[in-house]
Amino acid sequence: MGFRLPGIVSAKRSLVRSLSNSKQTASKTLDIPKGYFAVYVGERQKKRFVIPISYLNDPLFQDLLSQAEEEFGYDHPMGGITIPCSEYTFLHLTSRLSA
């Protein structure tokens, strides 16, 4: 003999649906769109920026990458390229590239 508990079954379905949606949201925030890459910027606390790959062709950005290579080499513990400048400097430079 079994018991019917429709309230518990619907709550369980709702929870499973909620958990799967939160996993999808988390994976979307980690995804980088095609044509972009992640960089970490900051002197003390690093902030993640997703920027267009086209920036790689600009001489100003290439100089910034050379400085990053000199300071950090090719070992980037954050998973993306770490750029050794202030957030303000980075935003100023990228605003000039976007224009």
PDB file of N, CA and C in Angstrom:
ATOM      1  N   MET A   1       0.840  -1.156   0.000  1.00  0.00           N
ATOM      2  CA  MET A   1       0.000   0.000   0.000  1.00  0.00           C
ATOM      3  C   MET A   1       0.900   1.238   0.000  1.00  0.00           C
ATOM      4  N   GLY A   2       0.630   2.178  -0.882  1.00  0.00           N
ATOM      5  CA  GLY A   2       1.452   3.364  -1.004  1.00  0.00           C
ATOM      6  C   GLY A   2       0.683   4.620  -0.649  1.00  0.00           C
ATOM      7  N   PHE A   3       1.413   5.640  -0.351  1.00  0.00           N
ATOM      8  CA  PHE A   3       0.820   6.940  -0.049  1.00  0.00           C
ATOM      9  C   PHE A   3       1.033   7.856  -1.238  1.00  0.00           C
ATOM     10  N   ARG A   4       0.061   8.677  -1.500  1.00  0.00           N
ATOM     11  CA  ARG A   4       0.188   9.668  -2.572  1.00  0.00           C
ATOM     12  C   ARG A   4       0.476  11.016  -1.938  1.00  0.00           C
ATOM     13  N   LEU A   5       1.579  11.587  -2.322  1.00  0.00           N
ATOM     14  CA  LEU A   5       1.965  12.881  -1.783  1.00  0.00           C
ATOM     15  C   LEU A   5       2.221  13.851  -2.945  1.00  0.00           C
ATOM     16  N   PRO A   6       1.162  14.351  -3.586  1.00  0.00           N
ATOM     17  CA  PRO A   6       1.343  15.199  -4.762  1.00  0.00           C
ATOM     18  C   PRO A   6       2.102  16.492  -4.464  1.00  0.00           C
ATOM     19  N   GLY A   7       1.952  17.024  -3.254  1.00  0.00           N
ATOM     20  CA  GLY A   7       2.660  18.259  -2.904  1.00  0.00           C
ATOM     21  C   GLY A   7       4.166  18.064  -2.887  1.00  0.00           C
ATOM     22  N   ILE A   8       4.613  16.928  -2.368  1.00  0.00           N
ATOM     23  CA  ILE A   8       6.052  16.648  -2.295  1.00  0.00           C
ATOM     24  C   ILE A   8       6.617  16.391  -3.683  1.00  0.00           C
ATOM     25  N   VAL A   9       5.884  15.686  -4.511  1.00  0.00           N
ATOM     26  CA  VAL A   9       6.350  15.389  -5.865  1.00  0.00           C
ATOM     27  C   VAL A   9       6.511  16.681  -6.660  1.00  0.00           C
ATOM     28  N   SER A  10       5.536  17.589  -6.580  1.00  0.00           N
ATOM     29  CA  SER A  10       5.645  18.841  -7.336  1.00  0.00           C
ATOM     30  C   SER A  10       6.762  19.723  -6.775  1.00  0.00           C
ATOM     31  N   ALA A  11       6.975  19.698  -5.454  1.00  0.00           N
ATOM     32  CA  ALA A  11       8.072  20.474  -4.860  1.00  0.00           C
ATOM     33  C   ALA A  11       9.418  19.923  -5.322  1.00  0.00           C
ATOM     34  N   LYS A  12       9.522  18.594  -5.419  1.00  0.00           N
ATOM     35  CA  LYS A  12      10.764  17.982  -5.866  1.00  0.00           C
ATOM     36  C   LYS A  12      11.042  18.361  -7.318  1.00  0.00           C
ATOM     37  N   ARG A  13      10.007  18.325  -8.165  1.00  0.00           N
ATOM     38  CA  ARG A  13      10.188  18.730  -9.569  1.00  0.00           C
ATOM     39  C   ARG A  13      10.642  20.179  -9.662  1.00  0.00           C
ATOM     40  N   SER A  14      10.053  21.032  -8.851  1.00  0.00           N
ATOM     41  CA  SER A  14      10.402  22.446  -8.849  1.00  0.00           C
ATOM     42  C   SER A  14      11.852  22.634  -8.425  1.00  0.00           C
ATOM     43  N   LEU A  15      12.292  21.916  -7.405  1.00  0.00           N
ATOM     44  CA  LEU A  15      13.668  22.008  -6.934  1.00  0.00           C
ATOM     45  C   LEU A  15      14.649  21.525  -7.990  1.00  0.00           C
ATOM     46  N   VAL A  16      14.343  20.407  -8.630  1.00  0.00           N
ATOM     47  CA  VAL A  16      15.216  19.883  -9.681  1.00  0.00           C
ATOM     48  C   VAL A  16      15.312  20.885 -10.824  1.00  0.00           C
ATOM     49  N   ARG A  17      14.180  21.475 -11.210  1.00  0.00           N
ATOM     50  CA  ARG A  17      14.165  22.468 -12.287  1.00  0.00           C
ATOM     51  C   ARG A  17      14.974  23.694 -11.865  1.00  0.00           C
ATOM     52  N   SER A  18      14.833  24.120 -10.622  1.00  0.00           N
ATOM     53  CA  SER A  18      15.565  25.272 -10.106  1.00  0.00           C
ATOM     54  C   SER A  18      17.067  25.010 -10.100  1.00  0.00           C
ATOM     55  N   LEU A  19      17.482  23.828  -9.667  1.00  0.00           N
ATOM     56  CA  LEU A  19      18.903  23.485  -9.634  1.00  0.00           C
ATOM     57  C   LEU A  19      19.493  23.433 -11.031  1.00  0.00           C
ATOM     58  N   SER A  20      18.756  22.874 -11.991  1.00  0.00           N
ATOM     59  CA  SER A  20      19.289  22.795 -13.352  1.00  0.00           C
ATOM     60  C   SER A  20      19.397  24.184 -13.956  1.00  0.00           C
ATOM     61  N   ASN A  21      18.470  25.084 -13.645  1.00  0.00           N
ATOM     62  CA  ASN A  21      18.557  26.456 -14.151  1.00  0.00           C
ATOM     63  C   ASN A  21      19.737  27.191 -13.552  1.00  0.00           C
ATOM     64  N   SER A  22      20.028  26.968 -12.266  1.00  0.00           N
ATOM     65  CA  SER A  22      21.166  27.648 -11.645  1.00  0.00           C
ATOM     66  C   SER A  22      22.478  27.143 -12.226  1.00  0.00           C
ATOM     67  N   LYS A  23      22.560  25.865 -12.579  1.00  0.00           N
ATOM     68  CA  LYS A  23      23.777  25.336 -13.209  1.00  0.00           C
ATOM     69  C   LYS A  23      23.969  25.946 -14.584  1.00  0.00           C
ATOM     70  N   GLN A  24      22.867  26.108 -15.341  1.00  0.00           N
ATOM     71  CA  GLN A  24      22.966  26.708 -16.669  1.00  0.00           C
ATOM     72  C   GLN A  24      23.405  28.160 -16.558  1.00  0.00           C
ATOM     73  N   THR A  25      22.877  28.889 -15.579  1.00  0.00           N
ATOM     74  CA  THR A  25      23.256  30.282 -15.394  1.00  0.00           C
ATOM     75  C   THR A  25      24.721  30.395 -15.040  1.00  0.00           C
ATOM     76  N   ALA A  26      25.204  29.537 -14.153  1.00  0.00           N
ATOM     77  CA  ALA A  26      26.615  29.567 -13.763  1.00  0.00           C
ATOM     78  C   ALA A  26      27.516  29.270 -14.953  1.00  0.00           C
ATOM     79  N   SER A  27      27.137  28.310 -15.785  1.00  0.00           N
ATOM     80  CA  SER A  27      27.981  27.983 -16.930  1.00  0.00           C
ATOM     81  C   SER A  27      27.969  29.105 -17.956  1.00  0.00           C
ATOM     82  N   LYS A  28      26.865  29.827 -18.091  1.00  0.00           N
ATOM     83  CA  LYS A  28      26.800  30.941 -19.033  1.00  0.00           C
ATOM     84  C   LYS A  28      27.701  32.083 -18.604  1.00  0.00           C
ATOM     85  N   THR A  29      27.821  32.313 -17.290  1.00  0.00           N
ATOM     86  CA  THR A  29      28.672  33.401 -16.836  1.00  0.00           C
ATOM     87  C   THR A  29      30.144  33.086 -17.061  1.00  0.00           C
ATOM     88  N   LEU A  30      30.495  31.830 -17.143  1.00  0.00           N
ATOM     89  CA  LEU A  30      31.883  31.454 -17.386  1.00  0.00           C
ATOM     90  C   LEU A  30      32.214  31.393 -18.867  1.00  0.00           C
ATOM     91  N   ASP A  31      31.207  31.332 -19.706  1.00  0.00           N
ATOM     92  CA  ASP A  31      31.437  31.262 -21.143  1.00  0.00           C
ATOM     93  C   ASP A  31      31.918  32.608 -21.675  1.00  0.00           C
ATOM     94  N   ILE A  32      32.786  32.533 -22.650  1.00  0.00           N
ATOM     95  CA  ILE A  32      33.267  33.731 -23.320  1.00  0.00           C
ATOM     96  C   ILE A  32      32.769  33.661 -24.756  1.00  0.00           C
ATOM     97  N   PRO A  33      32.127  34.732 -25.237  1.00  0.00           N
ATOM     98  CA  PRO A  33      31.603  34.703 -26.609  1.00  0.00           C
ATOM     99  C   PRO A  33      32.702  34.525 -27.641  1.00  0.00           C
ATOM    100  N   LYS A  34      32.338  33.977 -28.765  1.00  0.00           N
ATOM    101  CA  LYS A  34      33.282  33.801 -29.865  1.00  0.00           C
ATOM    102  C   LYS A  34      33.804  35.176 -30.289  1.00  0.00           C
ATOM    103  N   GLY A  35      35.118  35.256 -30.477  1.00  0.00           N
ATOM    104  CA  GLY A  35      35.729  36.516 -30.880  1.00  0.00           C
ATOM    105  C   GLY A  35      36.190  37.369 -29.710  1.00  0.00           C
ATOM    106  N   TYR A  36      36.112  36.842 -28.508  1.00  0.00           N
ATOM    107  CA  TYR A  36      36.515  37.562 -27.302  1.00  0.00           C
ATOM    108  C   TYR A  36      37.445  36.696 -26.467  1.00  0.00           C
ATOM    109  N   PHE A  37      38.156  37.321 -25.520  1.00  0.00           N
ATOM    110  CA  PHE A  37      38.962  36.565 -24.570  1.00  0.00           C
ATOM    111  C   PHE A  37      38.986  37.300 -23.236  1.00  0.00           C
ATOM    112  N   ALA A  38      39.341  36.576 -22.180  1.00  0.00           N
ATOM    113  CA  ALA A  38      39.325  37.141 -20.832  1.00  0.00           C
ATOM    114  C   ALA A  38      40.703  37.637 -20.448  1.00  0.00           C
ATOM    115  N   VAL A  39      40.735  38.787 -19.781  1.00  0.00           N
ATOM    116  CA  VAL A  39      41.957  39.298 -19.179  1.00  0.00           C
ATOM    117  C   VAL A  39      41.634  39.682 -17.739  1.00  0.00           C
ATOM    118  N   TYR A  40      42.641  39.615 -16.898  1.00  0.00           N
ATOM    119  CA  TYR A  40      42.506  40.023 -15.500  1.00  0.00           C
ATOM    120  C   TYR A  40      43.376  41.243 -15.292  1.00  0.00           C
ATOM    121  N   VAL A  41      42.773  42.299 -14.765  1.00  0.00           N
ATOM    122  CA  VAL A  41      43.433  43.586 -14.664  1.00  0.00           C
ATOM    123  C   VAL A  41      43.388  44.069 -13.223  1.00  0.00           C
ATOM    124  N   GLY A  42      44.479  44.661 -12.794  1.00  0.00           N
ATOM    125  CA  GLY A  42      44.514  45.260 -11.470  1.00  0.00           C
ATOM    126  C   GLY A  42      45.872  45.073 -10.843  1.00  0.00           C
ATOM    127  N   GLU A  43      46.188  45.987  -9.949  1.00  0.00           N
ATOM    128  CA  GLU A  43      47.488  45.910  -9.295  1.00  0.00           C
ATOM    129  C   GLU A  43      47.441  44.983  -8.085  1.00  0.00           C
ATOM    130  N   ARG A  44      46.394  45.094  -7.289  1.00  0.00           N
ATOM    131  CA  ARG A  44      46.252  44.209  -6.128  1.00  0.00           C
ATOM    132  C   ARG A  44      45.131  43.212  -6.345  1.00  0.00           C
ATOM    133  N   GLN A  45      43.922  43.735  -6.463  1.00  0.00           N
ATOM    134  CA  GLN A  45      42.769  42.872  -6.686  1.00  0.00           C
ATOM    135  C   GLN A  45      42.488  42.835  -8.187  1.00  0.00           C
ATOM    136  N   LYS A  46      42.432  41.642  -8.738  1.00  0.00           N
ATOM    137  CA  LYS A  46      42.247  41.486 -10.179  1.00  0.00           C
ATOM    138  C   LYS A  46      40.767  41.480 -10.531  1.00  0.00           C
ATOM    139  N   LYS A  47      40.420  42.207 -11.599  1.00  0.00           N
ATOM    140  CA  LYS A  47      39.054  42.229 -12.102  1.00  0.00           C
ATOM    141  C   LYS A  47      39.062  41.641 -13.502  1.00  0.00           C
ATOM    142  N   ARG A  48      38.072  40.819 -13.790  1.00  0.00           N
ATOM    143  CA  ARG A  48      38.001  40.125 -15.078  1.00  0.00           C
ATOM    144  C   ARG A  48      37.271  40.979 -16.107  1.00  0.00           C
ATOM    145  N   PHE A  49      37.877  41.094 -17.297  1.00  0.00           N
ATOM    146  CA  PHE A  49      37.261  41.780 -18.429  1.00  0.00           C
ATOM    147  C   PHE A  49      37.244  40.816 -19.609  1.00  0.00           C
ATOM    148  N   VAL A  50      36.178  40.845 -20.373  1.00  0.00           N
ATOM    149  CA  VAL A  50      36.081  40.075 -21.610  1.00  0.00           C
ATOM    150  C   VAL A  50      36.149  41.089 -22.741  1.00  0.00           C
ATOM    151  N   ILE A  51      37.190  40.974 -23.558  1.00  0.00           N
ATOM    152  CA  ILE A  51      37.448  41.976 -24.576  1.00  0.00           C
ATOM    153  C   ILE A  51      37.561  41.327 -25.959  1.00  0.00           C
ATOM    154  N   PRO A  52      37.345  42.108 -27.011  1.00  0.00           N
ATOM    155  CA  PRO A  52      37.414  41.558 -28.373  1.00  0.00           C
ATOM    156  C   PRO A  52      38.831  41.147 -28.758  1.00  0.00           C
ATOM    157  N   ILE A  53      38.929  40.092 -29.521  1.00  0.00           N
ATOM    158  CA  ILE A  53      40.224  39.624 -30.016  1.00  0.00           C
ATOM    159  C   ILE A  53      40.867  40.661 -30.932  1.00  0.00           C
ATOM    160  N   SER A  54      40.065  41.505 -31.560  1.00  0.00           N
ATOM    161  CA  SER A  54      40.604  42.528 -32.462  1.00  0.00           C
ATOM    162  C   SER A  54      41.582  43.466 -31.757  1.00  0.00           C
ATOM    163  N   TYR A  55      41.494  43.573 -30.425  1.00  0.00           N
ATOM    164  CA  TYR A  55      42.443  44.406 -29.680  1.00  0.00           C
ATOM    165  C   TYR A  55      43.878  43.903 -29.837  1.00  0.00           C
ATOM    166  N   LEU A  56      44.040  42.627 -30.145  1.00  0.00           N
ATOM    167  CA  LEU A  56      45.378  42.054 -30.278  1.00  0.00           C
ATOM    168  C   LEU A  56      46.166  42.676 -31.433  1.00  0.00           C
ATOM    169  N   ASN A  57      45.481  43.266 -32.390  1.00  0.00           N
ATOM    170  CA  ASN A  57      46.150  43.887 -33.539  1.00  0.00           C
ATOM    171  C   ASN A  57      46.633  45.296 -33.259  1.00  0.00           C
ATOM    172  N   ASP A  58      46.186  45.898 -32.171  1.00  0.00           N
ATOM    173  CA  ASP A  58      46.525  47.286 -31.883  1.00  0.00           C
ATOM    174  C   ASP A  58      47.884  47.391 -31.188  1.00  0.00           C
ATOM    175  N   PRO A  59      48.767  48.294 -31.673  1.00  0.00           N
ATOM    176  CA  PRO A  59      50.102  48.438 -31.083  1.00  0.00           C
ATOM    177  C   PRO A  59      50.076  48.808 -29.591  1.00  0.00           C
ATOM    178  N   LEU A  60      49.126  49.635 -29.159  1.00  0.00           N
ATOM    179  CA  LEU A  60      49.039  49.993 -27.742  1.00  0.00           C
ATOM    180  C   LEU A  60      48.747  48.766 -26.881  1.00  0.00           C
ATOM    181  N   PHE A  61      47.835  47.944 -27.356  1.00  0.00           N
ATOM    182  CA  PHE A  61      47.494  46.740 -26.601  1.00  0.00           C
ATOM    183  C   PHE A  61      48.643  45.737 -26.642  1.00  0.00           C
ATOM    184  N   GLN A  62      49.352  45.669 -27.756  1.00  0.00           N
ATOM    185  CA  GLN A  62      50.502  44.777 -27.858  1.00  0.00           C
ATOM    186  C   GLN A  62      51.592  45.183 -26.870  1.00  0.00           C
ATOM    187  N   ASP A  63      51.793  46.493 -26.676  1.00  0.00           N
ATOM    188  CA  ASP A  63      52.752  46.961 -25.671  1.00  0.00           C
ATOM    189  C   ASP A  63      52.325  46.524 -24.274  1.00  0.00           C
ATOM    190  N   LEU A  64      51.050  46.621 -23.996  1.00  0.00           N
ATOM    191  CA  LEU A  64      50.523  46.191 -22.700  1.00  0.00           C
ATOM    192  C   LEU A  64      50.747  44.698 -22.496  1.00  0.00           C
ATOM    193  N   LEU A  65      50.555  43.912 -23.542  1.00  0.00           N
ATOM    194  CA  LEU A  65      50.792  42.468 -23.454  1.00  0.00           C
ATOM    195  C   LEU A  65      52.274  42.153 -23.249  1.00  0.00           C
ATOM    196  N   SER A  66      53.143  42.936 -23.861  1.00  0.00           N
ATOM    197  CA  SER A  66      54.589  42.743 -23.655  1.00  0.00           C
ATOM    198  C   SER A  66      54.957  42.988 -22.200  1.00  0.00           C
ATOM    199  N   GLN A  67      54.368  44.019 -21.608  1.00  0.00           N
ATOM    200  CA  GLN A  67      54.610  44.290 -20.185  1.00  0.00           C
ATOM    201  C   GLN A  67      54.096  43.141 -19.323  1.00  0.00           C
ATOM    202  N   ALA A  68      52.942  42.595 -19.692  1.00  0.00           N
ATOM    203  CA  ALA A  68      52.377  41.462 -18.951  1.00  0.00           C
ATOM    204  C   ALA A  68      53.293  40.252 -19.057  1.00  0.00           C
ATOM    205  N   GLU A  69      53.850  40.032 -20.233  1.00  0.00           N
ATOM    206  CA  GLU A  69      54.766  38.902 -20.428  1.00  0.00           C
ATOM    207  C   GLU A  69      56.015  39.068 -19.575  1.00  0.00           C
ATOM    208  N   GLU A  70      56.561  40.292 -19.533  1.00  0.00           N
ATOM    209  CA  GLU A  70      57.761  40.540 -18.730  1.00  0.00           C
ATOM    210  C   GLU A  70      57.500  40.298 -17.247  1.00  0.00           C
ATOM    211  N   GLU A  71      56.319  40.710 -16.771  1.00  0.00           N
ATOM    212  CA  GLU A  71      56.036  40.593 -15.342  1.00  0.00           C
ATOM    213  C   GLU A  71      55.558  39.205 -14.936  1.00  0.00           C
ATOM    214  N   PHE A  72      54.718  38.582 -15.755  1.00  0.00           N
ATOM    215  CA  PHE A  72      54.095  37.319 -15.368  1.00  0.00           C
ATOM    216  C   PHE A  72      54.544  36.124 -16.195  1.00  0.00           C
ATOM    217  N   GLY A  73      55.210  36.347 -17.312  1.00  0.00           N
ATOM    218  CA  GLY A  73      55.561  35.240 -18.191  1.00  0.00           C
ATOM    219  C   GLY A  73      54.294  34.648 -18.800  1.00  0.00           C
ATOM    220  N   TYR A  74      54.304  33.351 -18.995  1.00  0.00           N
ATOM    221  CA  TYR A  74      53.134  32.700 -19.591  1.00  0.00           C
ATOM    222  C   TYR A  74      52.343  31.896 -18.571  1.00  0.00           C
ATOM    223  N   ASP A  75      52.681  32.046 -17.301  1.00  0.00           N
ATOM    224  CA  ASP A  75      51.963  31.342 -16.239  1.00  0.00           C
ATOM    225  C   ASP A  75      50.915  32.282 -15.667  1.00  0.00           C
ATOM    226  N   HIS A  76      49.660  32.019 -15.996  1.00  0.00           N
ATOM    227  CA  HIS A  76      48.563  32.876 -15.556  1.00  0.00           C
ATOM    228  C   HIS A  76      47.651  32.079 -14.643  1.00  0.00           C
ATOM    229  N   PRO A  77      47.828  32.196 -13.328  1.00  0.00           N
ATOM    230  CA  PRO A  77      47.058  31.391 -12.381  1.00  0.00           C
ATOM    231  C   PRO A  77      45.562  31.673 -12.401  1.00  0.00           C
ATOM    232  N   MET A  78      45.143  32.833 -12.901  1.00  0.00           N
ATOM    233  CA  MET A  78      43.728  33.177 -12.926  1.00  0.00           C
ATOM    234  C   MET A  78      42.991  32.489 -14.083  1.00  0.00           C
ATOM    235  N   GLY A  79      43.714  31.933 -15.037  1.00  0.00           N
ATOM    236  CA  GLY A  79      43.088  31.253 -16.156  1.00  0.00           C
ATOM    237  C   GLY A  79      43.048  32.085 -17.419  1.00  0.00           C
ATOM    238  N   GLY A  80      43.165  33.388 -17.297  1.00  0.00           N
ATOM    239  CA  GLY A  80      43.208  34.278 -18.449  1.00  0.00           C
ATOM    240  C   GLY A  80      44.509  35.058 -18.388  1.00  0.00           C
ATOM    241  N   ILE A  81      44.690  35.975 -19.287  1.00  0.00           N
ATOM    242  CA  ILE A  81      45.896  36.788 -19.302  1.00  0.00           C
ATOM    243  C   ILE A  81      45.802  37.819 -18.177  1.00  0.00           C
ATOM    244  N   THR A  82      46.862  37.950 -17.400  1.00  0.00           N
ATOM    245  CA  THR A  82      46.914  38.934 -16.322  1.00  0.00           C
ATOM    246  C   THR A  82      47.680  40.150 -16.812  1.00  0.00           C
ATOM    247  N   ILE A  83      47.055  41.318 -16.716  1.00  0.00           N
ATOM    248  CA  ILE A  83      47.670  42.550 -17.205  1.00  0.00           C
ATOM    249  C   ILE A  83      48.039  43.422 -16.003  1.00  0.00           C
ATOM    250  N   PRO A  84      49.327  43.782 -15.892  1.00  0.00           N
ATOM    251  CA  PRO A  84      49.808  44.501 -14.713  1.00  0.00           C
ATOM    252  C   PRO A  84      49.644  46.020 -14.812  1.00  0.00           C
ATOM    253  N   CYS A  85      48.428  46.490 -14.741  1.00  0.00           N
ATOM    254  CA  CYS A  85      48.201  47.931 -14.713  1.00  0.00           C
ATOM    255  C   CYS A  85      46.943  48.193 -13.890  1.00  0.00           C
ATOM    256  N   SER A  86      46.700  49.450 -13.608  1.00  0.00           N
ATOM    257  CA  SER A  86      45.497  49.778 -12.845  1.00  0.00           C
ATOM    258  C   SER A  86      44.268  49.600 -13.735  1.00  0.00           C
ATOM    259  N   GLU A  87      43.149  49.401 -13.083  1.00  0.00           N
ATOM    260  CA  GLU A  87      41.887  49.259 -13.817  1.00  0.00           C
ATOM    261  C   GLU A  87      41.597  50.539 -14.604  1.00  0.00           C
ATOM    262  N   TYR A  88      41.899  51.686 -14.011  1.00  0.00           N
ATOM    263  CA  TYR A  88      41.675  52.972 -14.679  1.00  0.00           C
ATOM    264  C   TYR A  88      42.481  53.058 -15.974  1.00  0.00           C
ATOM    265  N   THR A  89      43.760  52.684 -15.907  1.00  0.00           N
ATOM    266  CA  THR A  89      44.627  52.723 -17.089  1.00  0.00           C
ATOM    267  C   THR A  89      44.100  51.802 -18.180  1.00  0.00           C
ATOM    268  N   PHE A  90      43.685  50.602 -17.778  1.00  0.00           N
ATOM    269  CA  PHE A  90      43.167  49.638 -18.741  1.00  0.00           C
ATOM    270  C   PHE A  90      41.901  50.171 -19.413  1.00  0.00           C
ATOM    271  N   LEU A  91      40.987  50.719 -18.615  1.00  0.00           N
ATOM    272  CA  LEU A  91      39.743  51.256 -19.181  1.00  0.00           C
ATOM    273  C   LEU A  91      40.022  52.439 -20.101  1.00  0.00           C
ATOM    274  N   HIS A  92      40.988  53.267 -19.729  1.00  0.00           N
ATOM    275  CA  HIS A  92      41.359  54.399 -20.576  1.00  0.00           C
ATOM    276  C   HIS A  92      41.910  53.908 -21.916  1.00  0.00           C
ATOM    277  N   LEU A  93      42.796  52.927 -21.857  1.00  0.00           N
ATOM    278  CA  LEU A  93      43.389  52.388 -23.082  1.00  0.00           C
ATOM    279  C   LEU A  93      42.325  51.743 -23.974  1.00  0.00           C
ATOM    280  N   THR A  94      41.473  50.897 -23.389  1.00  0.00           N
ATOM    281  CA  THR A  94      40.460  50.204 -24.208  1.00  0.00           C
ATOM    282  C   THR A  94      39.420  51.170 -24.750  1.00  0.00           C
ATOM    283  N   SER A  95      39.174  52.286 -24.058  1.00  0.00           N
ATOM    284  CA  SER A  95      38.229  53.259 -24.604  1.00  0.00           C
ATOM    285  C   SER A  95      38.815  53.925 -25.844  1.00  0.00           C
ATOM    286  N   ARG A  96      40.127  54.067 -25.873  1.00  0.00           N
ATOM    287  CA  ARG A  96      40.781  54.620 -27.063  1.00  0.00           C
ATOM    288  C   ARG A  96      40.758  53.623 -28.214  1.00  0.00           C
ATOM    289  N   LEU A  97      40.799  52.325 -27.887  1.00  0.00           N
ATOM    290  CA  LEU A  97      40.775  51.310 -28.939  1.00  0.00           C
ATOM    291  C   LEU A  97      39.382  51.163 -29.534  1.00  0.00           C
ATOM    292  N   SER A  98      38.367  51.381 -28.742  1.00  0.00           N
ATOM    293  CA  SER A  98      36.993  51.225 -29.207  1.00  0.00           C
ATOM    294  C   SER A  98      36.561  52.357 -30.107  1.00  0.00           C
ATOM    295  N   ALA A  99      37.227  53.502 -29.999  1.00  0.00           N
ATOM    296  CA  ALA A  99      36.810  54.684 -30.764  1.00  0.00           C
ATOM    297  C   ALA A  99      37.147  54.569 -32.219  1.00  0.00           C
TER     298      ALA A  99
END
